[in-house]
Amino acid sequence: MLRLGPIAAAARRLPAGPCPGPLCLAGSRGSFARSWPPAGDRRPLFRQVRAAAAGGERVRVLKTPKGTRDHPPAQTALRDRLLSAVVSCFKRHGAAAIDTPVLELRVPFARYLAMNKVTNMKRYHVAKVYRRDNPATTRGRYREFYQCDFDIAGQFDPMIPDAECLKIVHEILSDLQLGDFIIKVNDRRILNGVFAVCGVPESKFIPACSTVDKLDKVPWEEVRSEMVGEKGLSPEAADRIGEYVQLHGGLDLIERLLQDPKLSQNKLAKEGLGDMKLLFEYLTLFGITEKISFDLSLARGLDYYTGVIFEAVLLHQENEHVEEAVSVGSVAGGGRYDGLVGMFDPKGRKVPCVGVSIGIERIFSILEQRLEASGEKLRTTETQVLVATPQKHLLPARLKLISELWDAGIKAEMLYKKDPKLLKQLQYCEDTGIPLAAIVGEQELADRVVKLRDVATREQVDIPREKLIDEIRRRLEP
């Protein structure tokens, strides 16, 4: 849904001139200009490090900034597969990609719509973003992280775009096979209506909302205590709120609340419940209601939401390799924010919007732990053919053949030695998952053939040189 540009405030506080710290944000997305040490000072620094090491002095430990991490090839390959699955879903639903600066003074997508006078758009955006908070890396919460957003902007009939956003969440979580999940839905109008009929002053709606949002983490008794002790609600109001926010169900609960003597008299709640009923009708047509729960405790703390809100939560991990459930919290969330764009438009023109953000880092943590526990080896390259030679002095033959494969668009590699042993070359194929080896020796050169070897079965056959490209393509067809 919304990419909030969390580093913007920090960036505004930086003094003018060179970066004051070890990292300097570059203009391009998600990249750092590594400005420590300045280029002119590096040689003296390296001499100092070497001298300190030689003298037995302690050298400063090399590490990434707090809340960030490196991704080695296997992790990067896993993340790329995950991002590809998410983006494929966004494209399947007709979204166009946009890109906005990593340095932002305000909410990027809302600013983009207002600045460019866009009133109708379906977009997705995948990028690194940053936040200032205490990282919880064991739960996949980092300061630097990928955010995958899908938003529909424009004036449309009620609940049709909202239903599609929920369908997208259902498709992604089902495709990734993460285990059982539930998508909680609520409406800020219903929640505000509950507060109103329970006697909460309008000025305390937002504080009360942020407290209710904790119900998925702490018991009602603690939430009630905070409402009364910290937020200033009366014990009677808190008790009345508790009667509502602990309810969850489906269409039957919506029907029951529509008949509620108090809520049925509140305009906001009545509108929200009417739209929620319509939403469930569309979700029934999509065939996904078994994974949807109308949950009155769902609040989502951001106060720009104006209508439907939702959050996807993994219930447990069904995997024989993982003994304990991976605690990662929600893995997707979003909602409707009809007033945000108007806050940035000079004329206050509103553009209704609804969107969803996929929690890529949390999902990645699950997949990463699952892969590690299973012992499965993940390919980190896409090489299709290794060009190999069995005898010495055949480097020119390898170079000529690999060039032909590259020119034909085939992903190929060779070892960077003049005379590598054939066994070592074939072992490299097995270690890295390369499916085919194209072997060219003295006899093959004389016969104008190439020995094509299936690495998995170890079967090999001579292929005429002029037919090699077509044969490789045929074998690589899915």
Protein backbone atom coordinates (compact mmCIF):
# COMPACT_ATOMS: atom_id res chain seq x y z
CA MET A 1 0.00 0.00 0.00
CA LEU A 2 1.94 3.10 1.11
CA ARG A 3 5.70 3.43 1.10
CA LEU A 4 6.26 5.95 3.85
CA GLY A 5 9.81 7.08 3.11
CA PRO A 6 10.84 6.73 6.79
CA ILE A 7 14.33 8.18 6.28
CA ALA A 8 12.97 11.51 5.11
CA ALA A 9 12.79 13.08 8.56
CA ALA A 10 16.28 11.93 9.43
CA ALA A 11 17.59 13.23 6.13
CA ARG A 12 16.17 16.68 6.82
CA ARG A 13 18.12 16.86 10.07
CA LEU A 14 21.49 16.21 8.41
CA PRO A 15 23.69 19.31 8.15
CA ALA A 16 24.62 20.66 4.75
CA GLY A 17 27.87 19.56 3.15
CA PRO A 18 29.63 16.19 3.32
CA CYS A 19 27.99 13.29 5.11
CA PRO A 20 28.75 13.43 8.83
CA GLY A 21 28.76 9.66 9.39
CA PRO A 22 30.08 6.45 7.86
CA LEU A 23 27.26 6.19 5.33
CA CYS A 24 25.93 8.74 2.88
CA LEU A 25 22.61 8.13 1.16
CA ALA A 26 22.98 8.20 -2.59
CA GLY A 27 20.41 9.62 -4.96
CA SER A 28 19.51 6.25 -6.46
CA ARG A 29 17.08 3.95 -4.68
CA GLY A 30 18.34 1.68 -1.97
CA SER A 31 22.02 2.44 -2.49
CA PHE A 32 24.63 4.03 -0.29
CA ALA A 33 27.64 6.05 -1.37
CA ARG A 34 30.28 4.51 0.81
CA SER A 35 31.93 7.73 1.89
CA TRP A 36 33.97 6.37 4.80
CA PRO A 37 36.79 6.96 4.59
CA PRO A 38 36.93 9.78 1.99
CA ALA A 39 38.71 8.62 -1.14
CA GLY A 40 41.77 10.79 -0.49
CA ASP A 41 42.30 9.33 3.00
CA ARG A 42 42.08 5.62 2.25
CA ARG A 43 45.79 4.85 1.73
CA PRO A 44 46.93 6.24 5.10
CA LEU A 45 44.05 4.39 6.83
CA PHE A 46 44.98 1.06 5.26
CA ARG A 47 48.61 1.56 6.33
CA GLN A 48 47.40 2.19 9.89
CA VAL A 49 45.28 -0.99 9.85
CA ARG A 50 48.18 -3.09 8.59
CA ALA A 51 50.54 -1.58 11.16
CA ALA A 52 48.06 -2.20 13.98
CA ALA A 53 47.57 -5.80 12.89
CA ALA A 54 51.34 -6.38 12.68
CA GLY A 55 51.80 -4.95 16.17
CA GLY A 56 49.13 -7.14 17.68
CA GLU A 57 46.74 -4.26 18.32
CA ARG A 58 42.98 -4.79 18.17
CA VAL A 59 41.48 -3.81 14.82
CA ARG A 60 37.91 -2.53 14.70
CA VAL A 61 35.49 -5.35 13.83
CA LEU A 62 33.91 -5.09 10.40
CA LYS A 63 30.12 -5.25 10.53
CA THR A 64 27.04 -3.88 8.82
CA PRO A 65 25.09 -0.99 10.39
CA LYS A 66 22.56 -1.97 13.06
CA GLY A 67 19.36 -3.35 11.57
CA THR A 68 20.91 -4.17 8.18
CA ARG A 69 22.63 -7.22 6.74
CA ASP A 70 24.41 -8.60 3.72
CA HIS A 71 22.71 -11.13 1.49
CA PRO A 72 25.06 -13.83 0.17
CA PRO A 73 24.25 -15.46 -3.19
CA ALA A 74 21.92 -18.17 -1.83
CA GLN A 75 19.86 -15.66 0.16
CA THR A 76 19.76 -13.25 -2.77
CA ALA A 77 18.53 -16.01 -5.09
CA LEU A 78 15.80 -16.92 -2.59
CA ARG A 79 14.75 -13.29 -2.20
CA ASP A 80 14.68 -12.79 -5.98
CA ARG A 81 12.36 -15.79 -6.36
CA LEU A 82 10.09 -14.35 -3.68
CA LEU A 83 10.00 -10.90 -5.27
CA SER A 84 9.35 -12.44 -8.68
CA ALA A 85 6.33 -14.35 -7.34
CA VAL A 86 4.88 -11.19 -5.77
CA VAL A 87 5.48 -9.00 -8.82
CA SER A 88 3.97 -11.66 -11.10
CA CYS A 89 0.77 -11.47 -9.05
CA PHE A 90 0.70 -7.67 -9.25
CA LYS A 91 1.15 -7.82 -13.03
CA ARG A 92 -1.53 -10.49 -13.32
CA HIS A 93 -3.95 -7.98 -11.86
CA GLY A 94 -3.01 -5.28 -14.37
CA ALA A 95 -0.81 -3.03 -12.25
CA ALA A 96 1.83 -0.75 -13.78
CA ALA A 97 5.16 -0.18 -12.02
CA ILE A 98 6.24 3.25 -10.82
CA ASP A 99 9.36 4.44 -9.03
CA THR A 100 9.70 7.37 -6.63
CA PRO A 101 12.76 8.87 -4.88
CA VAL A 102 14.09 7.08 -1.82
CA LEU A 103 14.41 10.48 -0.14
CA GLU A 104 10.90 11.78 0.47
CA LEU A 105 9.44 14.73 2.41
CA ARG A 106 6.03 13.09 2.59
CA VAL A 107 4.04 9.98 1.67
CA PRO A 108 5.44 9.06 -1.80
CA PHE A 109 2.40 7.65 -3.65
CA ALA A 110 0.00 10.30 -2.33
CA ARG A 111 2.53 12.99 -3.26
CA TYR A 112 2.98 11.44 -6.73
CA LEU A 113 -0.77 11.45 -7.43
CA ALA A 114 -1.26 15.01 -6.18
CA MET A 115 1.80 16.45 -7.94
CA ASN A 116 1.03 14.81 -11.30
CA LYS A 117 -2.75 15.36 -11.04
CA VAL A 118 -3.37 11.61 -11.46
CA THR A 119 -6.92 10.60 -10.57
CA ASN A 120 -7.01 7.00 -11.79
CA MET A 121 -4.21 4.45 -11.44
CA LYS A 122 -3.41 0.85 -10.55
CA ARG A 123 0.23 0.60 -9.61
CA TYR A 124 2.83 -1.50 -7.84
CA HIS A 125 6.17 -0.51 -6.38
CA VAL A 126 8.99 -2.71 -5.11
CA ALA A 127 11.94 -0.97 -3.45
CA LYS A 128 14.16 -0.74 -0.42
CA VAL A 129 12.91 1.60 2.28
CA TYR A 130 14.21 2.60 5.68
CA ARG A 131 12.81 3.18 9.15
CA ARG A 132 14.06 4.57 12.44
CA ASP A 133 13.24 2.07 15.17
CA ASN A 134 14.73 -0.77 17.15
CA PRO A 135 15.20 -3.70 14.77
CA ALA A 136 14.01 -7.19 15.64
CA THR A 137 16.08 -9.22 13.21
CA THR A 138 14.96 -12.59 14.58
CA ARG A 139 11.42 -11.72 13.44
CA GLY A 140 12.54 -10.36 10.08
CA ARG A 141 12.24 -6.70 11.14
CA TYR A 142 15.13 -4.60 9.83
CA ARG A 143 15.86 -0.89 9.43
CA GLU A 144 16.63 -1.44 5.74
CA PHE A 145 14.05 -3.62 4.04
CA TYR A 146 12.11 -4.29 0.88
CA GLN A 147 8.53 -3.11 0.63
CA CYS A 148 6.13 -4.37 -2.02
CA ASP A 149 3.09 -2.17 -2.52
CA PHE A 150 -0.03 -2.50 -4.65
CA ASP A 151 -2.54 0.36 -4.82
CA ILE A 152 -5.69 1.23 -6.74
CA ALA A 153 -6.46 4.96 -6.98
CA GLY A 154 -9.66 6.41 -8.41
CA GLN A 155 -13.39 6.83 -7.95
CA PHE A 156 -15.00 3.41 -8.36
CA ASP A 157 -18.07 1.55 -7.14
CA PRO A 158 -17.80 0.51 -3.47
CA MET A 159 -15.73 -2.47 -2.39
CA ILE A 160 -14.74 -3.77 -5.85
CA PRO A 161 -11.10 -2.56 -5.63
CA ASP A 162 -10.99 -3.46 -1.93
CA ALA A 163 -12.05 -7.03 -2.70
CA GLU A 164 -9.34 -7.31 -5.36
CA CYS A 165 -6.66 -6.23 -2.87
CA LEU A 166 -7.75 -9.03 -0.53
CA LYS A 167 -7.76 -11.49 -3.44
CA ILE A 168 -4.17 -10.48 -4.21
CA VAL A 169 -3.08 -11.16 -0.63
CA HIS A 170 -4.82 -14.55 -0.76
CA GLU A 171 -3.13 -15.44 -4.07
CA ILE A 172 0.36 -14.50 -2.90
CA LEU A 173 0.19 -16.32 0.43
CA SER A 174 -1.34 -19.39 -1.23
CA ASP A 175 1.25 -19.47 -4.01
CA LEU A 176 4.15 -19.18 -1.56
CA GLN A 177 2.81 -22.15 0.48
CA LEU A 178 3.77 -20.58 3.80
CA GLY A 179 1.24 -22.57 5.79
CA ASP A 180 -2.20 -21.78 7.14
CA PHE A 181 -3.13 -18.10 7.30
CA ILE A 182 -6.06 -15.81 8.02
CA ILE A 183 -6.82 -12.36 6.63
CA LYS A 184 -8.46 -10.16 9.25
CA VAL A 185 -10.71 -7.36 8.00
CA ASN A 186 -12.41 -4.47 9.72
CA ASP A 187 -13.48 -0.90 8.90
CA ARG A 188 -12.32 2.25 10.64
CA ARG A 189 -15.87 3.60 10.39
CA ILE A 190 -17.16 0.60 12.32
CA LEU A 191 -14.45 1.03 14.94
CA ASN A 192 -15.13 4.75 15.31
CA GLY A 193 -18.83 3.96 15.54
CA VAL A 194 -18.11 1.50 18.34
CA PHE A 195 -16.14 4.16 20.23
CA ALA A 196 -18.96 6.67 19.76
CA VAL A 197 -21.74 4.42 21.03
CA CYS A 198 -19.56 3.37 23.98
CA GLY A 199 -19.22 6.96 25.12
CA VAL A 200 -15.67 7.75 23.98
CA PRO A 201 -15.11 11.45 23.08
CA GLU A 202 -14.11 11.95 19.44
CA SER A 203 -10.82 13.50 20.55
CA LYS A 204 -9.84 10.12 22.02
CA PHE A 205 -10.78 7.94 19.02
CA ILE A 206 -7.19 7.73 17.74
CA PRO A 207 -5.59 6.96 21.15
CA ALA A 208 -8.28 4.35 21.81
CA CYS A 209 -7.70 2.89 18.36
CA SER A 210 -3.95 2.50 18.96
CA THR A 211 -4.68 0.67 22.21
CA VAL A 212 -7.21 -1.70 20.62
CA ASP A 213 -4.57 -2.49 17.99
CA LYS A 214 -2.57 -4.30 20.68
CA LEU A 215 -5.24 -6.96 21.23
CA ASP A 216 -3.48 -9.43 18.94
CA LYS A 217 -0.42 -9.29 21.23
CA VAL A 218 -1.76 -8.84 24.77
CA PRO A 219 -4.92 -9.99 26.59
CA TRP A 220 -7.99 -7.77 26.92
CA GLU A 221 -7.28 -7.09 30.60
CA GLU A 222 -4.03 -5.29 29.71
CA VAL A 223 -5.71 -3.36 26.88
CA ARG A 224 -8.50 -2.29 29.21
CA SER A 225 -6.01 -1.21 31.84
CA GLU A 226 -4.18 0.98 29.32
CA MET A 227 -7.43 2.52 28.09
CA VAL A 228 -8.42 3.54 31.62
CA GLY A 229 -5.01 4.25 33.15
CA GLU A 230 -3.18 5.89 30.25
CA LYS A 231 -5.75 7.00 27.68
CA GLY A 232 -8.23 8.45 30.16
CA LEU A 233 -11.31 6.42 29.24
CA SER A 234 -13.87 5.64 31.88
CA PRO A 235 -14.02 2.03 33.12
CA GLU A 236 -17.63 1.84 31.87
CA ALA A 237 -16.64 2.95 28.35
CA ALA A 238 -13.75 0.47 28.31
CA ASP A 239 -16.04 -2.38 29.34
CA ARG A 240 -18.55 -1.50 26.61
CA ILE A 241 -15.74 -1.37 24.02
CA GLY A 242 -14.60 -4.81 25.18
CA GLU A 243 -17.99 -6.29 24.36
CA TYR A 244 -17.47 -5.35 20.71
CA VAL A 245 -13.75 -5.58 19.96
CA GLN A 246 -13.47 -9.20 21.08
CA LEU A 247 -15.96 -10.28 18.39
CA HIS A 248 -14.89 -11.95 15.17
CA GLY A 249 -16.68 -13.97 12.52
CA GLY A 250 -18.10 -13.66 9.05
CA LEU A 251 -21.26 -12.60 7.28
CA ASP A 252 -23.39 -13.77 10.20
CA LEU A 253 -21.61 -11.37 12.56
CA ILE A 254 -22.10 -8.50 10.11
CA GLU A 255 -25.82 -9.22 9.96
CA ARG A 256 -25.99 -9.37 13.74
CA LEU A 257 -24.25 -6.02 14.17
CA LEU A 258 -26.50 -4.42 11.56
CA GLN A 259 -29.35 -5.26 13.95
CA ASP A 260 -27.46 -4.04 17.03
CA PRO A 261 -29.65 -1.44 18.79
CA LYS A 262 -26.73 0.96 19.34
CA LEU A 263 -24.56 0.48 16.24
CA SER A 264 -27.54 0.56 13.88
CA GLN A 265 -28.21 4.12 15.07
CA ASN A 266 -24.68 5.31 14.35
CA LYS A 267 -24.21 6.67 10.82
CA LEU A 268 -20.50 5.77 10.50
CA ALA A 269 -20.94 2.25 11.83
CA LYS A 270 -23.98 1.64 9.63
CA GLU A 271 -22.06 2.75 6.50
CA GLY A 272 -19.08 0.59 7.43
CA LEU A 273 -21.19 -2.49 8.13
CA GLY A 274 -23.08 -2.03 4.86
CA ASP A 275 -19.82 -1.92 2.91
CA MET A 276 -18.45 -4.86 4.88
CA LYS A 277 -21.48 -6.93 3.90
CA LEU A 278 -20.94 -5.99 0.25
CA LEU A 279 -17.25 -6.85 0.56
CA PHE A 280 -18.05 -10.33 1.87
CA GLU A 281 -20.44 -10.87 -1.03
CA TYR A 282 -17.61 -10.15 -3.49
CA LEU A 283 -15.15 -12.29 -1.53
CA THR A 284 -17.66 -15.14 -1.67
CA LEU A 285 -17.66 -14.84 -5.46
CA PHE A 286 -13.85 -14.93 -5.39
CA GLY A 287 -14.09 -18.12 -3.32
CA ILE A 288 -11.79 -16.98 -0.52
CA THR A 289 -14.08 -16.35 2.47
CA GLU A 290 -12.76 -19.40 4.33
CA LYS A 291 -9.54 -17.39 4.88
CA ILE A 292 -11.29 -14.11 5.81
CA SER A 293 -12.26 -13.10 9.35
CA PHE A 294 -14.28 -10.00 10.21
CA ASP A 295 -12.36 -9.03 13.36
CA LEU A 296 -13.43 -5.98 15.36
CA SER A 297 -10.11 -5.90 17.24
CA LEU A 298 -8.21 -5.03 14.05
CA ALA A 299 -7.36 -1.33 14.17
CA ARG A 300 -4.09 -0.72 12.27
CA GLY A 301 -2.53 2.23 14.03
CA LEU A 302 -2.03 4.61 11.10
CA ASP A 303 -4.68 7.32 11.34
CA TYR A 304 -4.99 8.04 7.61
CA TYR A 305 -7.17 4.97 7.05
CA THR A 306 -10.78 5.92 6.33
CA GLY A 307 -12.57 2.65 5.54
CA VAL A 308 -11.77 -1.03 5.13
CA ILE A 309 -8.56 -2.22 6.79
CA PHE A 310 -7.01 -5.68 6.64
CA GLU A 311 -4.06 -7.69 7.86
CA ALA A 312 -2.84 -11.19 6.98
CA VAL A 313 -1.44 -13.38 9.76
CA LEU A 314 0.24 -16.79 9.57
CA LEU A 315 -1.38 -19.19 12.02
CA HIS A 316 1.39 -21.80 12.22
CA GLN A 317 4.04 -23.50 10.14
CA GLU A 318 3.10 -26.83 8.61
CA ASN A 319 6.56 -28.14 7.80
CA GLU A 320 8.15 -31.38 8.88
CA HIS A 321 11.61 -29.81 9.03
CA VAL A 322 10.63 -27.02 11.42
CA GLU A 323 9.83 -28.15 14.96
CA GLU A 324 8.65 -24.77 16.25
CA ALA A 325 6.54 -22.10 14.60
CA VAL A 326 8.47 -19.12 13.28
CA SER A 327 7.23 -16.03 15.11
CA VAL A 328 7.04 -13.29 12.50
CA GLY A 329 3.74 -11.45 13.09
CA SER A 330 1.62 -10.20 10.24
CA VAL A 331 2.85 -10.74 6.68
CA ALA A 332 0.63 -8.28 4.78
CA GLY A 333 -1.60 -5.34 5.56
CA GLY A 334 -3.40 -2.40 4.09
CA GLY A 335 -6.67 -0.60 3.73
CA ARG A 336 -8.57 2.35 2.28
CA TYR A 337 -7.27 5.90 2.59
CA ASP A 338 -9.59 8.26 0.74
CA GLY A 339 -8.40 11.54 2.24
CA LEU A 340 -4.62 11.33 2.04
CA VAL A 341 -4.05 12.59 -1.52
CA GLY A 342 -6.26 15.63 -0.87
CA MET A 343 -3.93 16.65 1.97
CA PHE A 344 -1.16 17.25 -0.58
CA ASP A 345 -3.21 18.62 -3.48
CA PRO A 346 -3.08 22.45 -3.61
CA LYS A 347 -6.83 22.56 -4.27
CA GLY A 348 -7.65 19.75 -1.84
CA ARG A 349 -8.92 17.43 -4.59
CA LYS A 350 -9.48 13.97 -3.16
CA VAL A 351 -8.48 10.75 -4.91
CA PRO A 352 -9.92 7.65 -3.19
CA CYS A 353 -7.29 4.93 -2.74
CA VAL A 354 -6.99 1.41 -1.40
CA GLY A 355 -3.84 -0.65 -1.23
CA VAL A 356 -1.85 -3.45 0.32
CA SER A 357 1.76 -3.90 1.37
CA ILE A 358 3.35 -7.36 1.40
CA GLY A 359 5.76 -8.02 4.28
CA ILE A 360 8.57 -9.35 2.14
CA GLU A 361 11.24 -9.40 4.87
CA ARG A 362 9.07 -11.37 7.28
CA ILE A 363 8.10 -13.87 4.59
CA PHE A 364 11.76 -14.11 3.55
CA SER A 365 12.74 -14.96 7.15
CA ILE A 366 10.31 -17.89 7.11
CA LEU A 367 11.54 -19.20 3.77
CA GLU A 368 15.17 -18.71 4.80
CA GLN A 369 14.77 -20.69 8.02
CA ARG A 370 12.79 -23.38 6.22
CA LEU A 371 15.48 -23.73 3.55
CA GLU A 372 18.23 -23.95 6.18
CA ALA A 373 16.36 -26.58 8.19
CA SER A 374 15.66 -28.73 5.13
CA GLY A 375 19.26 -28.77 3.98
CA GLU A 376 18.10 -28.11 0.43
CA LYS A 377 20.70 -26.50 -1.82
CA LEU A 378 19.46 -23.51 -3.79
CA ARG A 379 21.00 -22.63 -7.15
CA THR A 380 22.57 -19.18 -7.11
CA THR A 381 23.18 -18.88 -10.86
CA GLU A 382 21.19 -19.62 -14.01
CA THR A 383 24.04 -21.16 -16.02
CA GLN A 384 22.71 -23.72 -18.47
CA VAL A 385 25.89 -25.11 -20.04
CA LEU A 386 29.50 -25.50 -18.94
CA VAL A 387 31.97 -25.56 -21.82
CA ALA A 388 34.67 -28.10 -20.97
CA THR A 389 37.77 -29.65 -22.55
CA PRO A 390 39.37 -33.04 -21.69
CA GLN A 391 42.94 -32.35 -22.87
CA LYS A 392 45.56 -29.63 -22.59
CA HIS A 393 46.11 -26.72 -25.02
CA LEU A 394 42.42 -26.43 -25.94
CA LEU A 395 41.64 -23.03 -24.40
CA PRO A 396 41.07 -21.47 -27.88
CA ALA A 397 38.45 -24.16 -28.63
CA ARG A 398 36.64 -23.42 -25.37
CA LEU A 399 36.68 -19.68 -25.96
CA LYS A 400 35.34 -20.06 -29.50
CA LEU A 401 32.52 -22.42 -28.45
CA ILE A 402 31.44 -20.40 -25.42
CA SER A 403 31.31 -17.27 -27.55
CA GLU A 404 28.95 -19.04 -29.95
CA LEU A 405 26.70 -20.05 -27.04
CA TRP A 406 26.64 -16.52 -25.59
CA ASP A 407 25.82 -15.05 -28.99
CA ALA A 408 22.90 -17.49 -29.25
CA GLY A 409 21.54 -16.30 -25.89
CA ILE A 410 22.50 -19.45 -23.99
CA LYS A 411 23.76 -18.98 -20.42
CA ALA A 412 27.20 -20.58 -20.36
CA GLU A 413 30.33 -20.72 -18.22
CA MET A 414 33.83 -22.15 -18.33
CA LEU A 415 36.60 -22.46 -15.75
CA TYR A 416 39.23 -19.73 -15.76
CA LYS A 417 42.22 -22.04 -16.21
CA LYS A 418 44.11 -22.87 -19.35
CA ASP A 419 44.16 -26.61 -18.81
CA PRO A 420 41.63 -27.66 -16.16
CA LYS A 421 41.10 -31.34 -15.49
CA LEU A 422 37.88 -32.75 -16.94
CA LEU A 423 36.86 -34.27 -13.60
CA LYS A 424 37.16 -30.87 -11.91
CA GLN A 425 35.04 -29.27 -14.63
CA LEU A 426 32.30 -31.89 -14.30
CA GLN A 427 32.40 -31.63 -10.50
CA TYR A 428 31.82 -27.88 -10.84
CA CYS A 429 28.67 -28.65 -12.84
CA GLU A 430 27.37 -30.93 -10.10
CA ASP A 431 28.25 -28.51 -7.31
CA THR A 432 26.53 -25.53 -8.95
CA GLY A 433 23.58 -27.33 -10.58
CA ILE A 434 24.55 -26.72 -14.20
CA PRO A 435 22.44 -29.20 -16.20
CA LEU A 436 24.56 -29.62 -19.35
CA ALA A 437 28.25 -29.83 -20.22
CA ALA A 438 29.48 -29.20 -23.77
CA ILE A 439 32.78 -31.06 -24.09
CA VAL A 440 35.11 -30.38 -26.98
CA GLY A 441 38.36 -32.39 -27.27
CA GLU A 442 40.82 -33.17 -30.02
CA GLN A 443 38.67 -35.94 -31.48
CA GLU A 444 35.52 -33.79 -31.35
CA LEU A 445 37.34 -30.99 -33.17
CA ALA A 446 38.49 -33.41 -35.86
CA ASP A 447 34.96 -34.83 -36.27
CA ARG A 448 33.28 -31.36 -36.04
CA VAL A 449 31.05 -32.52 -33.18
CA VAL A 450 30.54 -31.54 -29.54
CA LYS A 451 29.97 -34.11 -26.81
CA LEU A 452 26.85 -32.98 -24.94
CA ARG A 453 26.63 -34.44 -21.43
CA ASP A 454 23.57 -34.57 -19.19
CA VAL A 455 25.12 -33.85 -15.80
CA ALA A 456 22.34 -35.51 -13.77
CA THR A 457 22.22 -38.81 -15.72
CA ARG A 458 25.86 -38.66 -16.93
CA GLU A 459 24.69 -39.71 -20.37
CA GLN A 460 26.51 -38.04 -23.27
CA VAL A 461 26.11 -38.00 -27.02
CA ASP A 462 27.98 -36.48 -29.96
CA ILE A 463 26.10 -33.60 -31.60
CA PRO A 464 27.15 -32.10 -34.96
CA ARG A 465 28.56 -28.62 -34.34
CA GLU A 466 25.98 -26.92 -36.56
CA LYS A 467 23.10 -28.57 -34.64
CA LEU A 468 24.44 -27.95 -31.12
CA ILE A 469 22.49 -24.73 -30.41
CA ASP A 470 19.16 -26.26 -31.44
CA GLU A 471 19.83 -29.40 -29.38
CA ILE A 472 20.70 -27.40 -26.25
CA ARG A 473 17.55 -25.31 -26.65
CA ARG A 474 15.45 -28.45 -27.07
CA ARG A 475 16.85 -30.01 -23.92
CA LEU A 476 16.33 -26.83 -21.91
CA GLU A 477 12.66 -26.48 -22.86
CA PRO A 478 10.40 -26.64 -19.75
